[in-house]
């Protein structure tokens, strides 16, 4: 999505003379004037950033599409993004601010939380990768203390990743099992979460339901 977060792809493109063949939707030279895209990881979880990325894509398609006019499709998709934003914003506003707190598997929901007025109190995986080894016993103890102190009752795990550590954490804290969400990829066609709008609504509604309890 951006050279800041996909340096291997940027390096491959440069080494193979394919730099001009890659369209960075969020990052790269002059993609989004006014801010550093490296400061916004997992930008696809933020409707504001998604609208910027869709604009970049629409402009490139217009450049290479010849007689193809993407304006109608672009405007329609903006409506869908705004609809998702409005629906999720209204749902999370129903929850008392003190209860809009959760622990995530790794640092992938910070932008989502910031946009929708939520708080990520901590992460199970300290590094940026959800595939890292389980945290230390010290980190476990710190999270358990945090959960009890802030009365956190929602622990999120990344779908497809091991939830063993999270399950031990919820068991020791006396909480419901971890909430498995998928903000990292789209589901197969025909299943909930197979498009960006469906992915956001499916996961957002499940998180809302868990926080509301």
Protein backbone atom coordinates (compact mmCIF):
# COMPACT_ATOMS: atom_id res chain seq x y z
CA UNK A 1 0.00 0.00 0.00
CA UNK A 2 2.87 2.37 0.78
CA UNK A 3 6.66 2.19 0.41
CA UNK A 4 6.98 3.05 4.11
CA UNK A 5 5.25 -0.17 5.13
CA UNK A 6 6.17 -2.36 2.15
CA UNK A 7 9.89 -1.58 1.73
CA UNK A 8 10.54 -5.01 0.19
CA UNK A 9 8.19 -4.20 -2.69
CA UNK A 10 9.70 -0.75 -3.19
CA UNK A 11 13.17 -2.31 -3.27
CA UNK A 12 12.03 -5.01 -5.74
CA UNK A 13 10.46 -2.41 -8.03
CA UNK A 14 13.61 -0.30 -8.00
CA UNK A 15 15.89 -3.27 -8.66
CA UNK A 16 13.74 -4.46 -11.57
CA UNK A 17 12.97 -1.10 -13.14
CA UNK A 18 9.28 -1.38 -12.23
CA UNK A 19 8.93 1.71 -10.06
CA UNK A 20 6.55 3.39 -12.48
CA UNK A 21 4.37 0.26 -12.57
CA UNK A 22 3.41 0.49 -8.90
CA UNK A 23 0.69 2.79 -7.64
CA UNK A 24 1.14 3.50 -3.97
CA UNK A 25 -2.32 4.24 -2.64
CA UNK A 26 -1.06 5.55 0.68
CA UNK A 27 2.45 6.90 0.53
CA UNK A 28 5.13 7.46 -2.03
CA UNK A 29 6.09 10.65 -3.78
CA UNK A 30 3.43 13.30 -3.21
CA UNK A 31 0.62 10.80 -2.67
CA UNK A 32 -0.97 12.70 0.21
CA UNK A 33 0.29 16.21 0.67
CA UNK A 34 0.17 17.60 4.19
CA UNK A 35 1.16 14.58 6.26
CA UNK A 36 3.66 11.75 6.51
CA UNK A 37 1.99 8.47 5.57
CA UNK A 38 4.54 6.62 7.67
CA UNK A 39 2.72 8.00 10.72
CA UNK A 40 -0.52 6.23 9.73
CA UNK A 41 -0.16 2.43 9.77
CA UNK A 42 -3.14 0.27 8.77
CA UNK A 43 -4.69 3.30 7.09
CA UNK A 44 -7.38 1.16 5.48
CA UNK A 45 -9.16 0.98 8.86
CA UNK A 46 -9.79 4.75 8.79
CA UNK A 47 -12.55 5.94 6.41
CA UNK A 48 -10.89 9.34 6.02
CA UNK A 49 -7.67 7.76 4.75
CA UNK A 50 -9.59 5.28 2.60
CA UNK A 51 -11.29 8.15 0.77
CA UNK A 52 -7.86 9.59 0.00
CA UNK A 53 -6.68 6.25 -1.33
CA UNK A 54 -9.76 5.79 -3.50
CA UNK A 55 -9.16 9.26 -4.95
CA UNK A 56 -5.58 8.32 -5.86
CA UNK A 57 -6.82 5.13 -7.54
CA UNK A 58 -9.59 6.92 -9.44
CA UNK A 59 -7.16 9.53 -10.77
CA UNK A 60 -4.74 6.88 -12.01
CA UNK A 61 -7.53 4.89 -13.68
CA UNK A 62 -8.69 8.02 -15.46
CA UNK A 63 -5.16 8.55 -16.73
CA UNK A 64 -4.79 5.09 -18.20
CA UNK A 65 -8.40 4.23 -18.99
CA UNK A 66 -8.81 6.13 -22.23
CA UNK A 67 -12.54 6.61 -22.73
CA UNK A 68 -13.32 4.98 -19.38
CA UNK A 69 -14.81 7.51 -16.96
CA UNK A 70 -14.46 6.39 -13.35
CA UNK A 71 -16.17 9.43 -11.84
CA UNK A 72 -19.55 7.76 -11.34
CA UNK A 73 -18.01 4.68 -9.70
CA UNK A 74 -15.74 6.92 -7.61
CA UNK A 75 -18.63 9.01 -6.31
CA UNK A 76 -20.69 5.91 -5.56
CA UNK A 77 -17.86 4.36 -3.57
CA UNK A 78 -17.41 7.57 -1.60
CA UNK A 79 -21.07 7.28 -0.58
CA UNK A 80 -20.46 3.71 0.59
CA UNK A 81 -17.43 4.77 2.62
CA UNK A 82 -19.38 7.63 4.22
CA UNK A 83 -22.24 5.26 4.99
CA UNK A 84 -19.89 2.83 6.77
CA UNK A 85 -18.31 5.70 8.67
CA UNK A 86 -21.68 7.05 9.80
CA UNK A 87 -23.07 3.68 10.84
CA UNK A 88 -20.04 2.63 12.90
CA UNK A 89 -19.68 6.10 14.44
CA UNK A 90 -23.27 5.98 15.63
CA UNK A 91 -22.82 2.49 17.05
CA UNK A 92 -19.70 3.31 19.06
CA UNK A 93 -21.24 6.54 20.34
CA UNK A 94 -23.86 4.40 22.06
CA UNK A 95 -21.14 3.08 24.37
CA UNK A 96 -19.99 5.01 27.41
CA UNK A 97 -16.48 6.42 26.82
CA UNK A 98 -15.07 4.48 29.77
CA UNK A 99 -16.13 1.21 28.13
CA UNK A 100 -14.69 1.96 24.69
CA UNK A 101 -11.42 0.32 25.69
CA UNK A 102 -9.86 -2.93 24.52
CA UNK A 103 -6.61 -4.81 24.11
CA UNK A 104 -5.63 -5.81 20.58
CA UNK A 105 -3.49 -8.64 19.27
CA UNK A 106 -0.90 -6.33 17.74
CA UNK A 107 -0.65 -2.65 16.85
CA UNK A 108 -3.10 -2.72 13.95
CA UNK A 109 -6.17 -0.97 15.33
CA UNK A 110 -4.72 2.31 16.55
CA UNK A 111 -5.96 4.28 13.56
CA UNK A 112 -9.37 2.62 13.69
CA UNK A 113 -9.68 3.41 17.40
CA UNK A 114 -8.58 7.00 16.95
CA UNK A 115 -11.15 7.64 14.23
CA UNK A 116 -14.08 6.08 16.09
CA UNK A 117 -13.30 7.39 19.58
CA UNK A 118 -12.03 4.11 21.03
CA UNK A 119 -8.92 3.35 23.06
CA UNK A 120 -6.36 0.59 22.57
CA UNK A 121 -5.08 0.15 26.12
CA UNK A 122 -2.38 -2.35 25.14
CA UNK A 123 -1.32 -5.03 22.69
CA UNK A 124 -0.55 -8.70 23.17
CA UNK A 125 2.28 -8.64 20.64
CA UNK A 126 4.69 -5.85 21.44
CA UNK A 127 6.26 -5.72 17.96
CA UNK A 128 4.54 -4.64 14.77
CA UNK A 129 3.97 -8.19 13.56
CA UNK A 130 1.02 -10.33 14.58
CA UNK A 131 3.13 -13.41 13.84
CA UNK A 132 5.77 -12.82 16.50
CA UNK A 133 6.40 -15.23 19.34
CA UNK A 134 4.24 -15.09 22.45
CA UNK A 135 5.13 -12.25 24.84
CA UNK A 136 7.02 -12.78 28.07
CA UNK A 137 5.55 -13.66 31.45
CA UNK A 138 6.34 -10.11 32.53
CA UNK A 139 4.27 -8.71 29.68
CA UNK A 140 1.46 -11.11 30.57
CA UNK A 141 1.49 -9.87 34.15
CA UNK A 142 1.48 -6.26 32.97
CA UNK A 143 -1.52 -6.81 30.72
CA UNK A 144 -3.39 -8.64 33.46
CA UNK A 145 -2.79 -5.74 35.84
CA UNK A 146 -3.94 -3.30 33.17
CA UNK A 147 -7.12 -5.28 32.53
CA UNK A 148 -8.04 -5.32 36.19
CA UNK A 149 -7.14 -1.69 36.81
CA UNK A 150 -9.05 -0.30 33.84
CA UNK A 151 -11.81 -2.95 33.98
CA UNK A 152 -11.19 -3.93 30.36
CA UNK A 153 -13.42 -6.76 29.21
CA UNK A 154 -12.59 -7.14 25.51
CA UNK A 155 -9.43 -8.82 24.25
CA UNK A 156 -9.07 -8.95 20.46
CA UNK A 157 -7.08 -11.51 18.52
CA UNK A 158 -6.23 -11.47 14.81
CA UNK A 159 -8.19 -14.11 12.95
CA UNK A 160 -5.87 -16.84 11.72
CA UNK A 161 -3.24 -16.18 14.37
CA UNK A 162 -2.65 -18.19 17.54
CA UNK A 163 -4.92 -17.08 20.38
CA UNK A 164 -3.35 -19.27 23.07
CA UNK A 165 -1.77 -16.35 24.94
CA UNK A 166 -4.99 -14.31 24.73
CA UNK A 167 -7.04 -17.24 26.00
CA UNK A 168 -4.80 -17.64 29.02
CA UNK A 169 -5.13 -13.91 29.62
CA UNK A 170 -8.94 -13.96 29.50
CA UNK A 171 -9.11 -17.06 31.70
CA UNK A 172 -6.91 -15.52 34.39
CA UNK A 173 -8.87 -12.25 34.20
CA UNK A 174 -12.22 -14.03 34.30
CA UNK A 175 -13.30 -12.61 30.94
CA UNK A 176 -15.16 -14.07 27.95
CA UNK A 177 -13.00 -15.77 25.29
CA UNK A 178 -10.98 -13.48 23.01
CA UNK A 179 -12.81 -11.75 20.17
CA UNK A 180 -11.37 -12.90 16.84
CA UNK A 181 -11.51 -10.14 14.20
CA UNK A 182 -10.11 -9.81 10.71
CA UNK A 183 -8.99 -6.32 9.73
CA UNK A 184 -5.91 -7.63 7.90
CA UNK A 185 -7.43 -9.15 4.76
CA UNK A 186 -10.69 -9.71 2.89
CA UNK A 187 -12.64 -12.94 3.15
CA UNK A 188 -13.39 -15.16 0.12
CA UNK A 189 -16.08 -13.87 -2.23
CA UNK A 190 -19.56 -14.55 -0.93
CA UNK A 191 -18.61 -14.48 2.75
CA UNK A 192 -19.09 -11.58 5.20
CA UNK A 193 -16.01 -9.40 4.95
CA UNK A 194 -15.35 -10.01 1.24
CA UNK A 195 -15.22 -6.27 0.45
CA UNK A 196 -13.85 -3.27 2.35
CA UNK A 197 -17.31 -2.09 3.35
CA UNK A 198 -18.35 -5.57 4.47
CA UNK A 199 -15.06 -6.12 6.31
CA UNK A 200 -15.41 -2.87 8.23
CA UNK A 201 -19.06 -3.38 9.10
CA UNK A 202 -18.68 -7.05 10.03
CA UNK A 203 -15.74 -6.47 12.36
CA UNK A 204 -16.95 -3.12 13.62
CA UNK A 205 -20.37 -4.48 14.61
CA UNK A 206 -18.82 -7.47 16.37
CA UNK A 207 -16.52 -5.16 18.33
CA UNK A 208 -19.44 -2.87 19.19
CA UNK A 209 -21.45 -5.83 20.48
CA UNK A 210 -18.56 -7.02 22.64
CA UNK A 211 -17.86 -3.59 24.11
CA UNK A 212 -21.54 -3.02 24.84
CA UNK A 213 -21.80 -6.04 27.15
